[in-house]
Amino acid sequence: MENLIFMKIPNVVFATNLFINVPIILRYDELNLIEIIEEMNLGFTTQIPIYHSDGTFLAKINGTRIFATDEGKKAGLKIEKYPRIWACKMNNNTLFEIEHEKGDQFRFSAELYTSDGHFIKCKYMTGPEMSDINGKIQKIVSSMSNCTLKNVRIGVWLKKDGSCLIGVT
């Protein structure tokens, strides 16, 4: 599980790294995978697209809620709500789960696919990792923990070619 901690200003802790005033935490090519948005009367929260491995746009995460797209509903996506947990499931497999904690904190566990079938994961205490559509793992950054990125536009920008930019203004 990764921790996301929100404050009145857009500060986010993700996989032990602190992002201060960084609107896009994780991007793949031109696709924002984890971004911070400001919602009226709610303050800052996350927005995360959920894709199937075939590129189908299944759902959108806003804060601690999951919303199925029309394509997701057609594909059989189920959104389930439990005490303090929202789960996104398909064929009895959990694709994404959000656990809401006290106050404005929540954590999530996910294996994020991109719209072209690449698989991205950022695990606790390790750097981003990406698998291509054939399952070949590309270790992007060997270690990225306890870093602080402040006032940049993009925190971590992964490219299809396996390259990675950190702290893009």
N, C-alpha and C. Protein backbone atom coordinates (compact mmCIF):
# COMPACT_ATOMS: atom_id res chain seq x y z
N MET A 1 0.83 -1.17 0.00
CA MET A 1 0.00 0.00 0.00
C MET A 1 0.88 1.25 0.00
N GLU A 2 0.47 2.24 -0.75
CA GLU A 2 1.18 3.50 -0.81
C GLU A 2 0.38 4.53 -0.04
N ASN A 3 1.04 5.45 0.64
CA ASN A 3 0.34 6.48 1.38
C ASN A 3 0.24 7.76 0.58
N LEU A 4 -0.89 8.35 0.59
CA LEU A 4 -1.10 9.69 0.07
C LEU A 4 -1.61 10.51 1.23
N ILE A 5 -0.96 11.62 1.52
CA ILE A 5 -1.36 12.47 2.62
C ILE A 5 -1.63 13.86 2.07
N PHE A 6 -2.80 14.40 2.33
CA PHE A 6 -3.21 15.68 1.79
C PHE A 6 -3.27 16.74 2.87
N MET A 7 -2.95 17.96 2.49
CA MET A 7 -3.02 19.09 3.40
C MET A 7 -3.78 20.20 2.69
N LYS A 8 -3.86 21.36 3.31
CA LYS A 8 -4.56 22.50 2.71
C LYS A 8 -3.84 22.99 1.46
N ILE A 9 -2.54 22.85 1.41
CA ILE A 9 -1.78 23.13 0.19
C ILE A 9 -1.46 21.78 -0.44
N PRO A 10 -1.19 21.74 -1.73
CA PRO A 10 -1.02 20.44 -2.38
C PRO A 10 0.30 19.74 -2.04
N ASN A 11 0.36 19.15 -0.85
CA ASN A 11 1.49 18.32 -0.43
C ASN A 11 1.03 16.87 -0.45
N VAL A 12 1.80 16.02 -1.11
CA VAL A 12 1.44 14.61 -1.23
C VAL A 12 2.65 13.77 -0.89
N VAL A 13 2.45 12.76 -0.07
CA VAL A 13 3.48 11.76 0.17
C VAL A 13 3.06 10.52 -0.60
N PHE A 14 3.91 10.11 -1.53
CA PHE A 14 3.63 8.94 -2.36
C PHE A 14 4.88 8.08 -2.41
N ALA A 15 4.75 6.84 -1.96
CA ALA A 15 5.87 5.89 -1.94
C ALA A 15 7.08 6.50 -1.24
N THR A 16 6.87 7.10 -0.10
CA THR A 16 7.84 7.74 0.80
C THR A 16 8.37 9.08 0.29
N ASN A 17 8.00 9.50 -0.90
CA ASN A 17 8.50 10.75 -1.48
C ASN A 17 7.49 11.87 -1.27
N LEU A 18 7.99 13.07 -0.93
CA LEU A 18 7.14 14.22 -0.69
C LEU A 18 7.10 15.09 -1.94
N PHE A 19 5.90 15.36 -2.42
CA PHE A 19 5.67 16.22 -3.57
C PHE A 19 4.94 17.46 -3.07
N ILE A 20 5.60 18.61 -3.13
CA ILE A 20 5.03 19.87 -2.64
C ILE A 20 4.69 20.74 -3.84
N ASN A 21 3.42 21.07 -3.97
CA ASN A 21 2.94 21.90 -5.08
C ASN A 21 3.37 21.33 -6.43
N VAL A 22 3.14 20.02 -6.61
CA VAL A 22 3.44 19.32 -7.86
C VAL A 22 2.12 18.80 -8.40
N PRO A 23 1.59 19.41 -9.47
CA PRO A 23 0.26 19.01 -9.95
C PRO A 23 0.19 17.62 -10.58
N ILE A 24 1.29 17.16 -11.18
CA ILE A 24 1.29 15.83 -11.79
C ILE A 24 2.35 15.00 -11.07
N ILE A 25 1.90 14.04 -10.29
CA ILE A 25 2.82 13.20 -9.52
C ILE A 25 3.48 12.17 -10.42
N LEU A 26 2.68 11.49 -11.27
CA LEU A 26 3.20 10.43 -12.13
C LEU A 26 2.57 10.57 -13.51
N ARG A 27 3.43 10.63 -14.55
CA ARG A 27 2.97 10.72 -15.93
C ARG A 27 3.67 9.65 -16.75
N TYR A 28 2.93 9.10 -17.70
CA TYR A 28 3.48 8.16 -18.68
C TYR A 28 3.27 8.78 -20.05
N ASP A 29 4.33 9.03 -20.78
CA ASP A 29 4.29 9.79 -22.04
C ASP A 29 3.41 11.03 -21.84
N GLU A 30 2.28 11.14 -22.49
CA GLU A 30 1.42 12.32 -22.32
C GLU A 30 0.20 12.03 -21.45
N LEU A 31 0.18 10.88 -20.79
CA LEU A 31 -0.96 10.46 -19.97
C LEU A 31 -0.65 10.68 -18.49
N ASN A 32 -1.44 11.51 -17.83
CA ASN A 32 -1.28 11.73 -16.39
C ASN A 32 -1.89 10.54 -15.66
N LEU A 33 -1.06 9.81 -14.92
CA LEU A 33 -1.53 8.65 -14.17
C LEU A 33 -1.95 9.01 -12.75
N ILE A 34 -1.23 9.92 -12.13
CA ILE A 34 -1.62 10.41 -10.81
C ILE A 34 -1.42 11.92 -10.84
N GLU A 35 -2.52 12.65 -10.73
CA GLU A 35 -2.42 14.10 -10.72
C GLU A 35 -3.24 14.66 -9.57
N ILE A 36 -2.88 15.86 -9.17
CA ILE A 36 -3.55 16.56 -8.09
C ILE A 36 -4.43 17.64 -8.72
N ILE A 37 -5.69 17.62 -8.33
CA ILE A 37 -6.62 18.63 -8.82
C ILE A 37 -7.25 19.33 -7.63
N GLU A 38 -7.75 20.52 -7.87
CA GLU A 38 -8.45 21.25 -6.82
C GLU A 38 -9.93 21.19 -7.13
N GLU A 39 -10.69 20.65 -6.19
CA GLU A 39 -12.13 20.56 -6.35
C GLU A 39 -12.79 21.60 -5.45
N MET A 40 -13.80 22.26 -6.00
CA MET A 40 -14.50 23.29 -5.26
C MET A 40 -15.02 22.73 -3.94
N ASN A 41 -14.76 23.45 -2.87
CA ASN A 41 -15.20 23.12 -1.51
C ASN A 41 -14.53 21.89 -0.92
N LEU A 42 -13.67 21.21 -1.66
CA LEU A 42 -13.01 20.02 -1.14
C LEU A 42 -11.51 20.21 -0.96
N GLY A 43 -10.93 21.18 -1.61
CA GLY A 43 -9.49 21.36 -1.57
C GLY A 43 -8.82 20.50 -2.62
N PHE A 44 -7.63 20.03 -2.32
CA PHE A 44 -6.85 19.25 -3.28
C PHE A 44 -7.11 17.77 -3.11
N THR A 45 -7.15 17.07 -4.23
CA THR A 45 -7.36 15.63 -4.21
C THR A 45 -6.69 15.01 -5.44
N THR A 46 -6.71 13.70 -5.52
CA THR A 46 -6.09 13.03 -6.66
C THR A 46 -7.10 12.75 -7.76
N GLN A 47 -6.56 12.59 -8.95
CA GLN A 47 -7.33 12.11 -10.09
C GLN A 47 -6.46 11.06 -10.79
N ILE A 48 -7.01 9.86 -10.96
CA ILE A 48 -6.25 8.74 -11.49
C ILE A 48 -7.12 7.98 -12.49
N PRO A 49 -6.65 7.79 -13.73
CA PRO A 49 -7.41 6.96 -14.68
C PRO A 49 -7.05 5.49 -14.48
N ILE A 50 -8.03 4.61 -14.63
CA ILE A 50 -7.80 3.17 -14.53
C ILE A 50 -8.06 2.56 -15.91
N TYR A 51 -7.05 1.92 -16.47
CA TYR A 51 -7.14 1.27 -17.77
C TYR A 51 -7.03 -0.23 -17.62
N HIS A 52 -7.64 -0.96 -18.51
CA HIS A 52 -7.46 -2.40 -18.62
C HIS A 52 -6.19 -2.62 -19.44
N SER A 53 -5.60 -3.80 -19.38
CA SER A 53 -4.37 -4.08 -20.14
C SER A 53 -4.56 -3.94 -21.65
N ASP A 54 -5.82 -4.03 -22.12
CA ASP A 54 -6.06 -3.86 -23.56
C ASP A 54 -6.26 -2.39 -23.95
N GLY A 55 -6.13 -1.48 -22.98
CA GLY A 55 -6.25 -0.05 -23.25
C GLY A 55 -7.63 0.53 -23.01
N THR A 56 -8.60 -0.28 -22.61
CA THR A 56 -9.94 0.21 -22.34
C THR A 56 -9.92 1.10 -21.09
N PHE A 57 -10.46 2.31 -21.20
CA PHE A 57 -10.56 3.24 -20.08
C PHE A 57 -11.73 2.79 -19.21
N LEU A 58 -11.43 2.17 -18.06
CA LEU A 58 -12.44 1.54 -17.22
C LEU A 58 -13.07 2.46 -16.19
N ALA A 59 -12.25 3.27 -15.55
CA ALA A 59 -12.75 4.06 -14.42
C ALA A 59 -11.86 5.26 -14.18
N LYS A 60 -12.38 6.16 -13.38
CA LYS A 60 -11.63 7.34 -12.98
C LYS A 60 -11.73 7.46 -11.46
N ILE A 61 -10.61 7.72 -10.84
CA ILE A 61 -10.56 7.93 -9.40
C ILE A 61 -10.54 9.43 -9.16
N ASN A 62 -11.42 9.90 -8.31
CA ASN A 62 -11.37 11.27 -7.82
C ASN A 62 -11.36 11.18 -6.31
N GLY A 63 -10.22 11.54 -5.72
CA GLY A 63 -10.09 11.45 -4.27
C GLY A 63 -10.23 10.03 -3.80
N THR A 64 -11.22 9.78 -2.97
CA THR A 64 -11.41 8.44 -2.42
C THR A 64 -12.55 7.70 -3.10
N ARG A 65 -13.01 8.20 -4.25
CA ARG A 65 -14.14 7.56 -4.93
C ARG A 65 -13.73 7.08 -6.31
N ILE A 66 -14.34 5.99 -6.74
CA ILE A 66 -14.09 5.40 -8.05
C ILE A 66 -15.37 5.53 -8.88
N PHE A 67 -15.22 6.01 -10.11
CA PHE A 67 -16.36 6.17 -11.01
C PHE A 67 -16.11 5.37 -12.29
N ALA A 68 -16.98 4.43 -12.57
CA ALA A 68 -16.85 3.62 -13.79
C ALA A 68 -17.20 4.45 -15.01
N THR A 69 -16.46 4.24 -16.11
CA THR A 69 -16.80 4.86 -17.38
C THR A 69 -17.85 3.98 -18.07
N ASP A 70 -18.44 4.47 -19.15
CA ASP A 70 -19.38 3.65 -19.92
C ASP A 70 -18.67 2.40 -20.45
N GLU A 71 -17.41 2.58 -20.90
CA GLU A 71 -16.64 1.43 -21.38
C GLU A 71 -16.39 0.42 -20.27
N GLY A 72 -16.13 0.93 -19.05
CA GLY A 72 -15.92 0.06 -17.90
C GLY A 72 -17.17 -0.73 -17.55
N LYS A 73 -18.30 -0.06 -17.60
CA LYS A 73 -19.57 -0.75 -17.32
C LYS A 73 -19.84 -1.85 -18.34
N LYS A 74 -19.57 -1.56 -19.62
CA LYS A 74 -19.77 -2.55 -20.68
C LYS A 74 -18.83 -3.74 -20.50
N ALA A 75 -17.62 -3.48 -19.96
CA ALA A 75 -16.63 -4.54 -19.77
C ALA A 75 -16.91 -5.36 -18.51
N GLY A 76 -17.92 -4.98 -17.72
CA GLY A 76 -18.25 -5.73 -16.52
C GLY A 76 -17.57 -5.24 -15.26
N LEU A 77 -17.06 -4.02 -15.27
CA LEU A 77 -16.41 -3.44 -14.09
C LEU A 77 -17.43 -3.26 -12.97
N LYS A 78 -17.03 -3.61 -11.78
CA LYS A 78 -17.87 -3.45 -10.60
C LYS A 78 -17.15 -2.55 -9.60
N ILE A 79 -17.89 -1.57 -9.09
CA ILE A 79 -17.37 -0.70 -8.04
C ILE A 79 -18.06 -1.14 -6.76
N GLU A 80 -17.25 -1.51 -5.76
CA GLU A 80 -17.81 -1.98 -4.50
C GLU A 80 -17.36 -1.08 -3.36
N LYS A 81 -18.27 -0.77 -2.47
CA LYS A 81 -17.99 0.09 -1.32
C LYS A 81 -18.12 -0.73 -0.05
N TYR A 82 -17.07 -0.72 0.74
CA TYR A 82 -17.05 -1.37 2.04
C TYR A 82 -16.73 -0.30 3.08
N PRO A 83 -16.83 -0.61 4.37
CA PRO A 83 -16.44 0.40 5.35
C PRO A 83 -14.99 0.84 5.12
N ARG A 84 -14.80 2.11 4.82
CA ARG A 84 -13.50 2.76 4.61
C ARG A 84 -12.77 2.29 3.35
N ILE A 85 -13.39 1.48 2.49
CA ILE A 85 -12.69 0.97 1.29
C ILE A 85 -13.61 1.06 0.07
N TRP A 86 -13.05 1.54 -1.03
CA TRP A 86 -13.68 1.47 -2.35
C TRP A 86 -12.84 0.51 -3.18
N ALA A 87 -13.47 -0.41 -3.88
CA ALA A 87 -12.74 -1.38 -4.70
C ALA A 87 -13.28 -1.36 -6.13
N CYS A 88 -12.38 -1.50 -7.06
CA CYS A 88 -12.70 -1.56 -8.49
C CYS A 88 -12.35 -2.98 -8.92
N LYS A 89 -13.39 -3.77 -9.31
CA LYS A 89 -13.18 -5.19 -9.61
C LYS A 89 -13.71 -5.55 -10.99
N MET A 90 -13.06 -6.53 -11.59
CA MET A 90 -13.53 -7.07 -12.85
C MET A 90 -13.20 -8.56 -12.87
N ASN A 91 -14.19 -9.37 -13.19
CA ASN A 91 -14.03 -10.83 -13.19
C ASN A 91 -13.46 -11.33 -11.86
N ASN A 92 -13.98 -10.79 -10.76
CA ASN A 92 -13.56 -11.15 -9.40
C ASN A 92 -12.11 -10.82 -9.09
N ASN A 93 -11.44 -10.05 -9.94
CA ASN A 93 -10.08 -9.58 -9.67
C ASN A 93 -10.13 -8.12 -9.25
N THR A 94 -9.44 -7.78 -8.18
CA THR A 94 -9.38 -6.38 -7.74
C THR A 94 -8.34 -5.66 -8.58
N LEU A 95 -8.77 -4.63 -9.30
CA LEU A 95 -7.87 -3.84 -10.13
C LEU A 95 -7.30 -2.66 -9.37
N PHE A 96 -8.09 -2.12 -8.47
CA PHE A 96 -7.67 -0.93 -7.73
C PHE A 96 -8.48 -0.87 -6.45
N GLU A 97 -7.84 -0.46 -5.38
CA GLU A 97 -8.51 -0.37 -4.09
C GLU A 97 -8.02 0.87 -3.37
N ILE A 98 -8.95 1.61 -2.78
CA ILE A 98 -8.61 2.80 -2.01
C ILE A 98 -9.10 2.58 -0.59
N GLU A 99 -8.21 2.80 0.36
CA GLU A 99 -8.58 2.70 1.77
C GLU A 99 -8.57 4.09 2.37
N HIS A 100 -9.71 4.56 2.83
CA HIS A 100 -9.81 5.89 3.42
C HIS A 100 -9.48 5.80 4.90
N GLU A 101 -8.60 6.66 5.34
CA GLU A 101 -8.20 6.69 6.74
C GLU A 101 -8.77 7.93 7.42
N LYS A 102 -8.31 8.22 8.62
CA LYS A 102 -8.78 9.39 9.36
C LYS A 102 -8.48 10.66 8.59
N GLY A 103 -9.37 11.63 8.71
CA GLY A 103 -9.16 12.93 8.10
C GLY A 103 -9.08 12.86 6.59
N ASP A 104 -8.07 13.49 6.03
CA ASP A 104 -7.93 13.57 4.58
C ASP A 104 -6.94 12.55 4.02
N GLN A 105 -6.55 11.58 4.82
CA GLN A 105 -5.57 10.61 4.37
C GLN A 105 -6.26 9.39 3.77
N PHE A 106 -5.64 8.86 2.74
CA PHE A 106 -6.05 7.56 2.23
C PHE A 106 -4.87 6.90 1.59
N ARG A 107 -4.96 5.60 1.44
CA ARG A 107 -3.90 4.86 0.77
C ARG A 107 -4.51 4.06 -0.36
N PHE A 108 -3.67 3.75 -1.32
CA PHE A 108 -4.18 2.95 -2.41
C PHE A 108 -3.14 1.93 -2.83
N SER A 109 -3.63 0.86 -3.40
CA SER A 109 -2.80 -0.18 -3.94
C SER A 109 -3.28 -0.42 -5.36
N ALA A 110 -2.35 -0.35 -6.32
CA ALA A 110 -2.79 -0.48 -7.71
C ALA A 110 -1.66 -0.97 -8.58
N GLU A 111 -2.05 -1.55 -9.66
CA GLU A 111 -1.16 -1.89 -10.75
C GLU A 111 -1.75 -1.14 -11.93
N LEU A 112 -1.15 -0.01 -12.26
CA LEU A 112 -1.72 0.89 -13.26
C LEU A 112 -1.29 0.52 -14.67
N TYR A 113 -2.27 0.28 -15.51
CA TYR A 113 -2.00 0.10 -16.93
C TYR A 113 -2.14 1.44 -17.62
N THR A 114 -1.42 1.60 -18.72
CA THR A 114 -1.56 2.79 -19.54
C THR A 114 -2.53 2.49 -20.66
N SER A 115 -2.88 3.50 -21.43
CA SER A 115 -3.83 3.32 -22.52
C SER A 115 -3.26 2.47 -23.65
N ASP A 116 -1.93 2.25 -23.67
CA ASP A 116 -1.34 1.40 -24.71
C ASP A 116 -0.85 0.05 -24.17
N GLY A 117 -1.26 -0.30 -22.94
CA GLY A 117 -0.97 -1.63 -22.41
C GLY A 117 0.28 -1.76 -21.57
N HIS A 118 1.07 -0.69 -21.40
CA HIS A 118 2.22 -0.76 -20.50
C HIS A 118 1.70 -0.83 -19.06
N PHE A 119 2.49 -1.43 -18.20
CA PHE A 119 2.13 -1.64 -16.80
C PHE A 119 3.12 -0.87 -15.94
N ILE A 120 2.60 0.01 -15.08
CA ILE A 120 3.44 0.87 -14.25
C ILE A 120 3.18 0.55 -12.79
N LYS A 121 4.25 0.48 -12.02
CA LYS A 121 4.06 0.38 -10.57
C LYS A 121 5.19 1.11 -9.87
N CYS A 122 4.83 1.75 -8.79
CA CYS A 122 5.79 2.41 -7.91
C CYS A 122 5.57 1.79 -6.54
N LYS A 123 6.53 1.01 -6.13
CA LYS A 123 6.40 0.33 -4.85
C LYS A 123 7.07 1.14 -3.75
N TYR A 124 6.64 0.86 -2.54
CA TYR A 124 7.20 1.50 -1.36
C TYR A 124 8.72 1.29 -1.33
N MET A 125 9.46 2.37 -1.20
CA MET A 125 10.92 2.37 -1.05
C MET A 125 11.69 1.94 -2.30
N THR A 126 11.06 1.84 -3.45
CA THR A 126 11.79 1.57 -4.67
C THR A 126 11.36 2.56 -5.73
N GLY A 127 12.11 2.64 -6.79
CA GLY A 127 11.77 3.55 -7.86
C GLY A 127 10.72 2.98 -8.78
N PRO A 128 10.26 3.81 -9.73
CA PRO A 128 9.24 3.35 -10.67
C PRO A 128 9.73 2.19 -11.52
N GLU A 129 8.82 1.32 -11.86
CA GLU A 129 9.11 0.16 -12.69
C GLU A 129 8.03 0.10 -13.76
N MET A 130 8.42 -0.29 -14.97
CA MET A 130 7.46 -0.36 -16.06
C MET A 130 7.65 -1.67 -16.81
N SER A 131 6.55 -2.31 -17.18
CA SER A 131 6.60 -3.50 -18.01
C SER A 131 5.97 -3.16 -19.35
N ASP A 132 6.58 -3.66 -20.42
CA ASP A 132 5.99 -3.42 -21.73
C ASP A 132 4.82 -4.38 -21.95
N ILE A 133 4.19 -4.31 -23.11
CA ILE A 133 2.99 -5.10 -23.35
C ILE A 133 3.28 -6.60 -23.43
N ASN A 134 4.56 -6.97 -23.54
CA ASN A 134 4.95 -8.38 -23.54
C ASN A 134 5.38 -8.86 -22.16
N GLY A 135 5.32 -7.97 -21.16
CA GLY A 135 5.68 -8.35 -19.80
C GLY A 135 7.14 -8.14 -19.44
N LYS A 136 7.95 -7.63 -20.37
CA LYS A 136 9.36 -7.39 -20.09
C LYS A 136 9.48 -6.18 -19.16
N ILE A 137 10.12 -6.38 -18.01
CA ILE A 137 10.23 -5.32 -17.01
C ILE A 137 11.40 -4.41 -17.34
N GLN A 138 11.14 -3.10 -17.28
CA GLN A 138 12.17 -2.09 -17.43
C GLN A 138 12.28 -1.39 -16.08
N LYS A 139 13.39 -1.56 -15.40
CA LYS A 139 13.60 -0.88 -14.12
C LYS A 139 14.01 0.54 -14.45
N ILE A 140 13.15 1.50 -14.16
CA ILE A 140 13.37 2.88 -14.55
C ILE A 140 14.36 3.57 -13.62
N VAL A 141 14.10 3.51 -12.34
CA VAL A 141 14.95 4.13 -11.34
C VAL A 141 15.18 3.07 -10.27
N SER A 142 16.44 2.80 -9.94
CA SER A 142 16.70 1.71 -9.01
C SER A 142 16.20 2.02 -7.60
N SER A 143 16.27 3.27 -7.19
CA SER A 143 15.78 3.62 -5.86
C SER A 143 15.34 5.08 -5.86
N MET A 144 14.18 5.30 -5.31
CA MET A 144 13.69 6.67 -5.14
C MET A 144 12.85 6.67 -3.88
N SER A 145 13.47 7.04 -2.76
CA SER A 145 12.73 7.06 -1.50
C SER A 145 13.16 8.26 -0.67
N ASN A 146 12.21 8.78 0.08
CA ASN A 146 12.42 9.91 0.97
C ASN A 146 12.97 11.14 0.26
N CYS A 147 12.57 11.34 -1.00
CA CYS A 147 12.96 12.52 -1.76
C CYS A 147 11.90 13.60 -1.61
N THR A 148 12.27 14.84 -1.83
CA THR A 148 11.32 15.94 -1.85
C THR A 148 11.42 16.65 -3.19
N LEU A 149 10.28 16.78 -3.86
CA LEU A 149 10.19 17.54 -5.10
C LEU A 149 9.23 18.69 -4.83
N LYS A 150 9.65 19.90 -5.17
CA LYS A 150 8.84 21.07 -4.82
C LYS A 150 8.73 22.01 -6.02
N ASN A 151 7.50 22.50 -6.25
CA ASN A 151 7.21 23.52 -7.25
C ASN A 151 7.66 23.13 -8.66
N VAL A 152 7.48 21.89 -9.01
CA VAL A 152 7.72 21.45 -10.38
C VAL A 152 6.37 21.03 -10.98
N ARG A 153 6.30 20.98 -12.28
CA ARG A 153 5.04 20.65 -12.95
C ARG A 153 4.77 19.15 -12.91
N ILE A 154 5.83 18.34 -13.12
CA ILE A 154 5.70 16.87 -13.14
C ILE A 154 6.74 16.28 -12.21
N GLY A 155 6.29 15.41 -11.30
CA GLY A 155 7.22 14.77 -10.37
C GLY A 155 8.03 13.68 -11.05
N VAL A 156 7.36 12.65 -11.58
CA VAL A 156 8.01 11.53 -12.25
C VAL A 156 7.35 11.36 -13.61
N TRP A 157 8.15 11.45 -14.68
CA TRP A 157 7.64 11.33 -16.05
C TRP A 157 8.32 10.14 -16.71
N LEU A 158 7.57 9.06 -16.85
CA LEU A 158 8.07 7.85 -17.49
C LEU A 158 7.78 7.91 -18.98
N LYS A 159 8.73 7.47 -19.77
CA LYS A 159 8.57 7.47 -21.23
C LYS A 159 8.49 6.03 -21.74
N LYS A 160 7.77 5.86 -22.81
CA LYS A 160 7.59 4.54 -23.42
C LYS A 160 8.91 3.86 -23.75
N ASP A 161 9.94 4.67 -24.07
CA ASP A 161 11.25 4.12 -24.43
C ASP A 161 12.06 3.67 -23.21
N GLY A 162 11.48 3.82 -22.01
CA GLY A 162 12.17 3.38 -20.79
C GLY A 162 12.92 4.48 -20.08
N SER A 163 12.95 5.68 -20.64
CA SER A 163 13.62 6.78 -19.97
C SER A 163 12.70 7.41 -18.92
N CYS A 164 13.28 8.19 -18.04
CA CYS A 164 12.52 8.78 -16.95
C CYS A 164 13.07 10.18 -16.65
N LEU A 165 12.17 11.11 -16.46
CA LEU A 165 12.53 12.46 -16.04
C LEU A 165 11.96 12.67 -14.64
N ILE A 166 12.73 13.31 -13.78
CA ILE A 166 12.29 13.58 -12.41
C ILE A 166 12.33 15.08 -12.20
N GLY A 167 11.26 15.66 -11.68
CA GLY A 167 11.22 17.08 -11.37
C GLY A 167 11.20 17.98 -12.58
N VAL A 168 10.23 17.79 -13.46
CA VAL A 168 10.14 18.56 -14.71
C VAL A 168 9.39 19.87 -14.44
N THR A 169 9.99 20.98 -14.85
CA THR A 169 9.34 22.30 -14.67
C THR A 169 8.53 22.69 -15.88
